[in-house]
Amino acid sequence: MSSAVSRAGLHYLTVQDVLWINLQLTRKVNHYSFAKLEEGTFYQYAYGTSNSLLAQAARFLPGFVRIKPFEGNNDATAFASLACFLALNGRTLTVTDGDEAVAWFDKVSTKQVDAVQALESATHEGHSHEDIGHPLATRQAMVDELSRFSKTLEILGARA
């Protein structure tokens, strides 16, 4: 069962959360490197105070994509994990599901644009998940984001 970790007021996805996201996207258990998965997941954290959501989200996306911990669906897993990380912390990713979101992902994950600025312009304050930290609330937030970006995740998942 999922349970986001909270430090410095932020909620973080656990390695198990990211495994679950990948499983939902692929409907199978993919082989993965645990060391790479742990490193990729930990890109959510920052050194020092670790309390800047957008800066940490900006660090997470290209880092996870570069690490490629899974046998497949790394891009889709990275995008879904980013959307979930933001949602768990009261921010909503506002890019349109589908081609727009994929183009945004490609620019941010390959550092063609400043990721913090891209996140500032592509997010807004979302609703607060008061029960985050409770496993079922974390899981529901993740299910919501997977559903909200189904076209984007399908396109990213089709990449090998």
N, C-alpha and C. Protein backbone atom coordinates (compact mmCIF):
# COMPACT_ATOMS: atom_id res chain seq x y z
N MET A 1 0.84 -1.17 0.00
CA MET A 1 0.00 0.00 0.00
C MET A 1 0.88 1.24 0.00
N SER A 2 0.51 2.20 -0.76
CA SER A 2 1.26 3.43 -0.94
C SER A 2 1.15 4.33 0.29
N SER A 3 2.22 5.03 0.57
CA SER A 3 2.13 6.07 1.60
C SER A 3 3.22 7.09 1.34
N ALA A 4 2.79 8.21 0.83
CA ALA A 4 3.75 9.28 0.53
C ALA A 4 4.48 9.67 1.79
N VAL A 5 5.73 10.04 1.64
CA VAL A 5 6.56 10.47 2.74
C VAL A 5 6.49 11.99 2.81
N SER A 6 6.41 12.55 4.00
CA SER A 6 6.35 14.00 4.15
C SER A 6 7.57 14.49 4.92
N ARG A 7 8.27 15.48 4.33
CA ARG A 7 9.39 16.15 4.98
C ARG A 7 9.28 17.62 4.62
N ALA A 8 9.57 18.48 5.57
CA ALA A 8 9.59 19.93 5.34
C ALA A 8 8.29 20.41 4.73
N GLY A 9 7.19 19.75 5.07
CA GLY A 9 5.90 20.17 4.56
C GLY A 9 5.56 19.66 3.18
N LEU A 10 6.50 19.03 2.49
CA LEU A 10 6.23 18.47 1.18
C LEU A 10 5.96 16.97 1.31
N HIS A 11 5.17 16.46 0.39
CA HIS A 11 4.88 15.03 0.33
C HIS A 11 5.63 14.45 -0.87
N TYR A 12 6.27 13.33 -0.66
CA TYR A 12 7.10 12.71 -1.69
C TYR A 12 6.57 11.33 -2.05
N LEU A 13 6.73 10.96 -3.31
CA LEU A 13 6.42 9.60 -3.72
C LEU A 13 7.52 8.68 -3.21
N THR A 14 7.14 7.51 -2.78
CA THR A 14 8.11 6.50 -2.36
C THR A 14 8.51 5.66 -3.57
N VAL A 15 9.54 4.87 -3.42
CA VAL A 15 9.95 3.93 -4.46
C VAL A 15 8.77 3.02 -4.79
N GLN A 16 8.04 2.58 -3.76
CA GLN A 16 6.88 1.70 -3.98
C GLN A 16 5.79 2.41 -4.77
N ASP A 17 5.60 3.71 -4.53
CA ASP A 17 4.62 4.47 -5.31
C ASP A 17 4.98 4.49 -6.78
N VAL A 18 6.25 4.72 -7.08
CA VAL A 18 6.70 4.79 -8.47
C VAL A 18 6.59 3.41 -9.12
N LEU A 19 6.89 2.36 -8.38
CA LEU A 19 6.69 1.00 -8.89
C LEU A 19 5.22 0.77 -9.24
N TRP A 20 4.33 1.21 -8.37
CA TRP A 20 2.90 1.05 -8.59
C TRP A 20 2.45 1.83 -9.82
N ILE A 21 2.94 3.04 -9.98
CA ILE A 21 2.60 3.85 -11.15
C ILE A 21 3.03 3.12 -12.42
N ASN A 22 4.25 2.61 -12.45
CA ASN A 22 4.73 1.89 -13.63
C ASN A 22 3.87 0.65 -13.89
N LEU A 23 3.48 -0.05 -12.84
CA LEU A 23 2.62 -1.23 -12.99
C LEU A 23 1.27 -0.84 -13.59
N GLN A 24 0.70 0.27 -13.14
CA GLN A 24 -0.58 0.72 -13.68
C GLN A 24 -0.47 1.08 -15.15
N LEU A 25 0.64 1.64 -15.54
CA LEU A 25 0.83 2.06 -16.92
C LEU A 25 1.07 0.90 -17.86
N THR A 26 1.78 -0.11 -17.39
CA THR A 26 2.17 -1.22 -18.27
C THR A 26 1.32 -2.46 -18.08
N ARG A 27 0.63 -2.53 -16.96
CA ARG A 27 -0.18 -3.71 -16.61
C ARG A 27 0.66 -4.98 -16.52
N LYS A 28 1.95 -4.78 -16.25
CA LYS A 28 2.83 -5.93 -16.00
C LYS A 28 3.98 -5.45 -15.12
N VAL A 29 4.64 -6.39 -14.51
CA VAL A 29 5.79 -6.06 -13.69
C VAL A 29 7.00 -5.98 -14.62
N ASN A 30 7.57 -4.79 -14.72
CA ASN A 30 8.75 -4.60 -15.55
C ASN A 30 10.01 -4.88 -14.74
N HIS A 31 11.01 -5.38 -15.40
CA HIS A 31 12.31 -5.50 -14.74
C HIS A 31 12.84 -4.08 -14.52
N TYR A 32 13.57 -3.91 -13.46
CA TYR A 32 14.12 -2.59 -13.16
C TYR A 32 15.37 -2.75 -12.32
N SER A 33 16.16 -1.70 -12.32
CA SER A 33 17.33 -1.63 -11.46
C SER A 33 16.91 -0.91 -10.20
N PHE A 34 16.99 -1.59 -9.05
CA PHE A 34 16.55 -0.96 -7.81
C PHE A 34 17.39 0.28 -7.51
N ALA A 35 18.70 0.20 -7.73
CA ALA A 35 19.57 1.35 -7.44
C ALA A 35 19.16 2.55 -8.31
N LYS A 36 18.89 2.31 -9.59
CA LYS A 36 18.47 3.40 -10.47
C LYS A 36 17.08 3.92 -10.10
N LEU A 37 16.18 3.02 -9.73
CA LEU A 37 14.84 3.44 -9.34
C LEU A 37 14.90 4.29 -8.08
N GLU A 38 15.69 3.87 -7.13
CA GLU A 38 15.84 4.65 -5.90
C GLU A 38 16.45 6.02 -6.21
N GLU A 39 17.49 6.04 -7.03
CA GLU A 39 18.12 7.31 -7.40
C GLU A 39 17.14 8.21 -8.15
N GLY A 40 16.42 7.63 -9.12
CA GLY A 40 15.45 8.40 -9.89
C GLY A 40 14.34 8.97 -9.02
N THR A 41 13.84 8.18 -8.09
CA THR A 41 12.78 8.62 -7.18
C THR A 41 13.29 9.72 -6.26
N PHE A 42 14.52 9.60 -5.82
CA PHE A 42 15.08 10.59 -4.89
C PHE A 42 15.39 11.93 -5.55
N TYR A 43 15.25 12.03 -6.87
CA TYR A 43 15.39 13.33 -7.51
C TYR A 43 14.31 14.31 -7.05
N GLN A 44 13.26 13.80 -6.39
CA GLN A 44 12.24 14.69 -5.83
C GLN A 44 12.81 15.56 -4.71
N TYR A 45 13.83 15.06 -4.06
CA TYR A 45 14.41 15.75 -2.91
C TYR A 45 15.46 16.75 -3.37
N ALA A 46 15.72 17.72 -2.53
CA ALA A 46 16.79 18.68 -2.80
C ALA A 46 17.77 18.61 -1.64
N TYR A 47 18.96 19.07 -1.89
CA TYR A 47 19.95 19.14 -0.83
C TYR A 47 19.63 20.34 0.05
N GLY A 48 19.93 20.24 1.29
CA GLY A 48 19.67 21.36 2.20
C GLY A 48 18.25 21.36 2.71
N THR A 49 17.56 22.48 2.49
CA THR A 49 16.24 22.65 3.08
C THR A 49 15.16 21.80 2.43
N SER A 50 15.28 21.47 1.18
CA SER A 50 14.33 20.61 0.48
C SER A 50 12.89 21.06 0.68
N ASN A 51 12.60 22.32 0.33
CA ASN A 51 11.24 22.83 0.52
C ASN A 51 10.74 23.67 -0.65
N SER A 52 11.31 23.50 -1.81
CA SER A 52 10.89 24.25 -2.99
C SER A 52 10.26 23.29 -3.99
N LEU A 53 8.95 23.17 -3.94
CA LEU A 53 8.24 22.18 -4.76
C LEU A 53 8.59 22.27 -6.24
N LEU A 54 8.48 23.44 -6.83
CA LEU A 54 8.70 23.53 -8.28
C LEU A 54 10.16 23.26 -8.65
N ALA A 55 11.09 23.73 -7.85
CA ALA A 55 12.50 23.46 -8.13
C ALA A 55 12.79 21.96 -8.02
N GLN A 56 12.20 21.32 -7.04
CA GLN A 56 12.42 19.88 -6.87
C GLN A 56 11.72 19.08 -7.96
N ALA A 57 10.53 19.51 -8.37
CA ALA A 57 9.84 18.85 -9.47
C ALA A 57 10.64 19.03 -10.77
N ALA A 58 11.22 20.22 -10.94
CA ALA A 58 12.04 20.49 -12.12
C ALA A 58 13.29 19.62 -12.15
N ARG A 59 13.81 19.30 -11.01
CA ARG A 59 14.98 18.43 -10.89
C ARG A 59 14.59 16.97 -11.15
N PHE A 60 13.40 16.60 -10.68
CA PHE A 60 12.95 15.22 -10.78
C PHE A 60 12.78 14.75 -12.23
N LEU A 61 12.06 15.51 -13.03
CA LEU A 61 11.69 15.02 -14.36
C LEU A 61 12.89 14.65 -15.23
N PRO A 62 13.82 15.56 -15.50
CA PRO A 62 14.95 15.17 -16.35
C PRO A 62 15.84 14.13 -15.70
N GLY A 63 15.95 14.17 -14.37
CA GLY A 63 16.77 13.18 -13.68
C GLY A 63 16.23 11.77 -13.83
N PHE A 64 14.94 11.61 -13.63
CA PHE A 64 14.32 10.29 -13.75
C PHE A 64 14.41 9.78 -15.18
N VAL A 65 14.14 10.66 -16.14
CA VAL A 65 14.20 10.27 -17.55
C VAL A 65 15.61 9.84 -17.93
N ARG A 66 16.62 10.54 -17.43
CA ARG A 66 18.01 10.21 -17.75
C ARG A 66 18.41 8.86 -17.13
N ILE A 67 17.95 8.59 -15.92
CA ILE A 67 18.33 7.37 -15.20
C ILE A 67 17.75 6.10 -15.85
N LYS A 68 16.51 6.17 -16.34
CA LYS A 68 15.82 5.04 -16.97
C LYS A 68 15.88 3.76 -16.12
N PRO A 69 15.22 3.77 -14.97
CA PRO A 69 15.31 2.61 -14.09
C PRO A 69 14.54 1.37 -14.56
N PHE A 70 13.50 1.57 -15.38
CA PHE A 70 12.65 0.46 -15.79
C PHE A 70 13.03 -0.07 -17.16
N GLU A 71 12.65 -1.32 -17.38
CA GLU A 71 12.83 -1.93 -18.68
C GLU A 71 11.99 -1.20 -19.74
N GLY A 72 10.87 -0.63 -19.34
CA GLY A 72 10.00 0.08 -20.27
C GLY A 72 9.15 1.12 -19.58
N ASN A 73 8.63 2.03 -20.36
CA ASN A 73 7.71 3.08 -19.92
C ASN A 73 8.33 4.10 -18.95
N ASN A 74 9.59 4.38 -19.11
CA ASN A 74 10.24 5.36 -18.24
C ASN A 74 9.68 6.77 -18.42
N ASP A 75 9.43 7.18 -19.69
CA ASP A 75 8.91 8.53 -19.92
C ASP A 75 7.52 8.67 -19.32
N ALA A 76 6.66 7.70 -19.57
CA ALA A 76 5.30 7.76 -19.02
C ALA A 76 5.33 7.73 -17.50
N THR A 77 6.19 6.91 -16.94
CA THR A 77 6.31 6.82 -15.49
C THR A 77 6.81 8.14 -14.91
N ALA A 78 7.77 8.76 -15.58
CA ALA A 78 8.30 10.04 -15.11
C ALA A 78 7.22 11.12 -15.15
N PHE A 79 6.48 11.20 -16.26
CA PHE A 79 5.43 12.21 -16.38
C PHE A 79 4.35 11.98 -15.32
N ALA A 80 3.87 10.76 -15.19
CA ALA A 80 2.83 10.46 -14.21
C ALA A 80 3.32 10.73 -12.79
N SER A 81 4.55 10.37 -12.49
CA SER A 81 5.11 10.61 -11.16
C SER A 81 5.22 12.10 -10.88
N LEU A 82 5.62 12.88 -11.89
CA LEU A 82 5.69 14.33 -11.73
C LEU A 82 4.30 14.89 -11.43
N ALA A 83 3.30 14.51 -12.22
CA ALA A 83 1.94 15.00 -12.00
C ALA A 83 1.45 14.62 -10.60
N CYS A 84 1.77 13.42 -10.16
CA CYS A 84 1.36 12.97 -8.82
C CYS A 84 2.09 13.74 -7.73
N PHE A 85 3.39 13.93 -7.88
CA PHE A 85 4.18 14.69 -6.91
C PHE A 85 3.61 16.10 -6.75
N LEU A 86 3.29 16.74 -7.87
CA LEU A 86 2.70 18.07 -7.81
C LEU A 86 1.34 18.03 -7.11
N ALA A 87 0.50 17.09 -7.50
CA ALA A 87 -0.86 16.99 -6.93
C ALA A 87 -0.81 16.72 -5.43
N LEU A 88 0.11 15.88 -5.01
CA LEU A 88 0.23 15.58 -3.58
C LEU A 88 0.59 16.83 -2.77
N ASN A 89 1.14 17.81 -3.47
CA ASN A 89 1.58 19.03 -2.81
C ASN A 89 0.74 20.25 -3.19
N GLY A 90 -0.48 20.00 -3.67
CA GLY A 90 -1.43 21.08 -3.90
C GLY A 90 -1.25 21.87 -5.18
N ARG A 91 -0.51 21.33 -6.16
CA ARG A 91 -0.35 22.01 -7.45
C ARG A 91 -0.95 21.12 -8.53
N THR A 92 -1.56 21.74 -9.51
CA THR A 92 -2.16 21.01 -10.62
C THR A 92 -1.40 21.34 -11.90
N LEU A 93 -1.01 20.30 -12.60
CA LEU A 93 -0.37 20.47 -13.91
C LEU A 93 -1.48 20.81 -14.89
N THR A 94 -1.33 21.91 -15.63
CA THR A 94 -2.42 22.41 -16.46
C THR A 94 -2.24 22.19 -17.95
N VAL A 95 -1.19 21.51 -18.37
CA VAL A 95 -1.04 21.24 -19.79
C VAL A 95 -2.18 20.32 -20.23
N THR A 96 -2.61 20.49 -21.48
CA THR A 96 -3.72 19.71 -22.02
C THR A 96 -3.25 18.28 -22.29
N ASP A 97 -4.06 17.33 -21.86
CA ASP A 97 -3.76 15.91 -22.06
C ASP A 97 -3.59 15.62 -23.55
N GLY A 98 -2.53 14.92 -23.89
CA GLY A 98 -2.28 14.54 -25.28
C GLY A 98 -1.03 15.19 -25.83
N ASP A 99 -1.10 15.64 -27.08
CA ASP A 99 0.07 16.17 -27.77
C ASP A 99 0.70 17.37 -27.07
N GLU A 100 -0.12 18.26 -26.51
CA GLU A 100 0.43 19.42 -25.82
C GLU A 100 1.27 18.99 -24.62
N ALA A 101 0.76 18.07 -23.84
CA ALA A 101 1.49 17.60 -22.66
C ALA A 101 2.76 16.87 -23.06
N VAL A 102 2.71 16.10 -24.13
CA VAL A 102 3.90 15.38 -24.60
C VAL A 102 4.96 16.37 -25.06
N ALA A 103 4.57 17.40 -25.81
CA ALA A 103 5.53 18.40 -26.26
C ALA A 103 6.15 19.13 -25.07
N TRP A 104 5.32 19.46 -24.07
CA TRP A 104 5.81 20.11 -22.85
C TRP A 104 6.81 19.19 -22.13
N PHE A 105 6.44 17.92 -21.98
CA PHE A 105 7.32 16.93 -21.35
C PHE A 105 8.66 16.85 -22.07
N ASP A 106 8.63 16.78 -23.39
CA ASP A 106 9.88 16.65 -24.16
C ASP A 106 10.80 17.85 -23.93
N LYS A 107 10.24 19.04 -23.92
CA LYS A 107 11.05 20.24 -23.70
C LYS A 107 11.64 20.27 -22.30
N VAL A 108 10.84 19.91 -21.31
CA VAL A 108 11.32 19.98 -19.93
C VAL A 108 12.30 18.84 -19.63
N SER A 109 11.98 17.64 -20.06
CA SER A 109 12.82 16.49 -19.72
C SER A 109 14.18 16.52 -20.40
N THR A 110 14.26 17.21 -21.54
CA THR A 110 15.55 17.31 -22.24
C THR A 110 16.22 18.66 -22.00
N LYS A 111 15.68 19.42 -21.08
CA LYS A 111 16.25 20.70 -20.65
C LYS A 111 16.35 21.72 -21.78
N GLN A 112 15.40 21.67 -22.72
CA GLN A 112 15.35 22.68 -23.78
C GLN A 112 14.81 24.00 -23.25
N VAL A 113 14.12 23.93 -22.12
CA VAL A 113 13.57 25.12 -21.47
C VAL A 113 13.95 25.06 -20.00
N ASP A 114 13.87 26.19 -19.34
CA ASP A 114 14.09 26.22 -17.90
C ASP A 114 12.92 25.50 -17.24
N ALA A 115 13.21 24.42 -16.56
CA ALA A 115 12.15 23.57 -16.01
C ALA A 115 11.33 24.28 -14.93
N VAL A 116 11.96 25.08 -14.10
CA VAL A 116 11.21 25.78 -13.06
C VAL A 116 10.23 26.75 -13.70
N GLN A 117 10.68 27.51 -14.69
CA GLN A 117 9.79 28.44 -15.38
C GLN A 117 8.68 27.69 -16.10
N ALA A 118 9.01 26.57 -16.73
CA ALA A 118 8.00 25.76 -17.42
C ALA A 118 6.95 25.25 -16.43
N LEU A 119 7.39 24.86 -15.24
CA LEU A 119 6.44 24.40 -14.22
C LEU A 119 5.62 25.56 -13.65
N GLU A 120 6.24 26.72 -13.50
CA GLU A 120 5.49 27.88 -13.02
C GLU A 120 4.36 28.23 -13.97
N SER A 121 4.63 28.17 -15.28
CA SER A 121 3.61 28.54 -16.25
C SER A 121 2.63 27.40 -16.55
N ALA A 122 2.97 26.17 -16.19
CA ALA A 122 2.11 25.03 -16.51
C ALA A 122 1.45 24.41 -15.27
N THR A 123 1.45 25.15 -14.16
CA THR A 123 0.78 24.65 -12.95
C THR A 123 0.02 25.79 -12.30
N HIS A 124 -0.91 25.42 -11.47
CA HIS A 124 -1.58 26.40 -10.61
C HIS A 124 -1.94 25.70 -9.31
N GLU A 125 -2.31 26.51 -8.33
CA GLU A 125 -2.71 25.94 -7.05
C GLU A 125 -3.88 25.01 -7.29
N GLY A 126 -3.75 23.80 -6.82
CA GLY A 126 -4.82 22.82 -6.95
C GLY A 126 -5.51 22.66 -5.62
N HIS A 127 -6.39 21.68 -5.57
CA HIS A 127 -7.04 21.45 -4.28
C HIS A 127 -6.09 20.71 -3.36
N SER A 128 -6.25 20.95 -2.10
CA SER A 128 -5.38 20.34 -1.09
C SER A 128 -5.87 18.94 -0.77
N HIS A 129 -4.94 18.04 -0.66
CA HIS A 129 -5.25 16.67 -0.25
C HIS A 129 -5.01 16.59 1.26
N GLU A 130 -6.06 16.89 2.01
CA GLU A 130 -5.92 16.98 3.47
C GLU A 130 -5.44 15.67 4.10
N ASP A 131 -5.80 14.56 3.50
CA ASP A 131 -5.48 13.26 4.10
C ASP A 131 -4.18 12.67 3.57
N ILE A 132 -3.42 13.45 2.78
CA ILE A 132 -2.18 12.90 2.24
C ILE A 132 -1.31 12.44 3.41
N GLY A 133 -0.67 11.35 3.20
CA GLY A 133 0.05 10.69 4.28
C GLY A 133 -0.69 9.42 4.65
N HIS A 134 -2.01 9.47 4.47
CA HIS A 134 -2.81 8.25 4.63
C HIS A 134 -2.72 7.50 3.31
N PRO A 135 -2.40 6.22 3.36
CA PRO A 135 -2.15 5.47 2.11
C PRO A 135 -3.28 5.55 1.08
N LEU A 136 -4.52 5.50 1.50
CA LEU A 136 -5.61 5.52 0.53
C LEU A 136 -5.75 6.88 -0.14
N ALA A 137 -5.49 7.95 0.58
CA ALA A 137 -5.56 9.29 -0.01
C ALA A 137 -4.44 9.49 -1.03
N THR A 138 -3.26 9.00 -0.71
CA THR A 138 -2.15 9.09 -1.65
C THR A 138 -2.47 8.30 -2.91
N ARG A 139 -2.96 7.09 -2.74
CA ARG A 139 -3.31 6.25 -3.89
C ARG A 139 -4.38 6.91 -4.74
N GLN A 140 -5.39 7.51 -4.12
CA GLN A 140 -6.46 8.16 -4.88
C GLN A 140 -5.91 9.34 -5.68
N ALA A 141 -5.02 10.11 -5.09
CA ALA A 141 -4.41 11.23 -5.81
C ALA A 141 -3.65 10.71 -7.03
N MET A 142 -2.98 9.59 -6.89
CA MET A 142 -2.23 9.01 -8.01
C MET A 142 -3.19 8.49 -9.08
N VAL A 143 -4.25 7.84 -8.69
CA VAL A 143 -5.25 7.34 -9.64
C VAL A 143 -5.85 8.51 -10.43
N ASP A 144 -6.15 9.60 -9.73
CA ASP A 144 -6.72 10.78 -10.38
C ASP A 144 -5.80 11.32 -11.47
N GLU A 145 -4.52 11.42 -11.18
CA GLU A 145 -3.57 11.97 -12.16
C GLU A 145 -3.38 11.01 -13.34
N LEU A 146 -3.35 9.72 -13.08
CA LEU A 146 -3.22 8.75 -14.18
C LEU A 146 -4.43 8.86 -15.12
N SER A 147 -5.58 9.05 -14.55
CA SER A 147 -6.80 9.19 -15.35
C SER A 147 -6.82 10.51 -16.12
N ARG A 148 -6.41 11.57 -15.47
CA ARG A 148 -6.44 12.90 -16.08
C ARG A 148 -5.52 13.01 -17.29
N PHE A 149 -4.44 12.25 -17.30
CA PHE A 149 -3.46 12.32 -18.39
C PHE A 149 -3.37 11.01 -19.17
N SER A 150 -4.49 10.35 -19.37
CA SER A 150 -4.48 9.03 -20.02
C SER A 150 -3.93 9.08 -21.45
N LYS A 151 -4.27 10.10 -22.24
CA LYS A 151 -3.77 10.19 -23.62
C LYS A 151 -2.26 10.44 -23.63
N THR A 152 -1.82 11.35 -22.79
CA THR A 152 -0.39 11.65 -22.69
C THR A 152 0.38 10.40 -22.32
N LEU A 153 -0.11 9.68 -21.34
CA LEU A 153 0.59 8.49 -20.86
C LEU A 153 0.58 7.39 -21.91
N GLU A 154 -0.47 7.31 -22.70
CA GLU A 154 -0.53 6.34 -23.79
C GLU A 154 0.52 6.67 -24.86
N ILE A 155 0.62 7.95 -25.22
CA ILE A 155 1.61 8.37 -26.22
C ILE A 155 3.03 8.13 -25.70
N LEU A 156 3.30 8.55 -24.47
CA LEU A 156 4.64 8.36 -23.91
C LEU A 156 4.95 6.87 -23.72
N GLY A 157 3.95 6.09 -23.37
CA GLY A 157 4.15 4.66 -23.17
C GLY A 157 4.44 3.91 -24.45
N ALA A 158 3.99 4.46 -25.58
CA ALA A 158 4.24 3.82 -26.87
C ALA A 158 5.69 3.97 -27.32
N ARG A 159 6.40 4.88 -26.67
CA ARG A 159 7.82 5.03 -26.97
C ARG A 159 8.58 3.86 -26.35
N ALA A 160 9.47 3.29 -27.08
CA ALA A 160 10.20 2.14 -26.53
C ALA A 160 11.43 2.55 -25.84
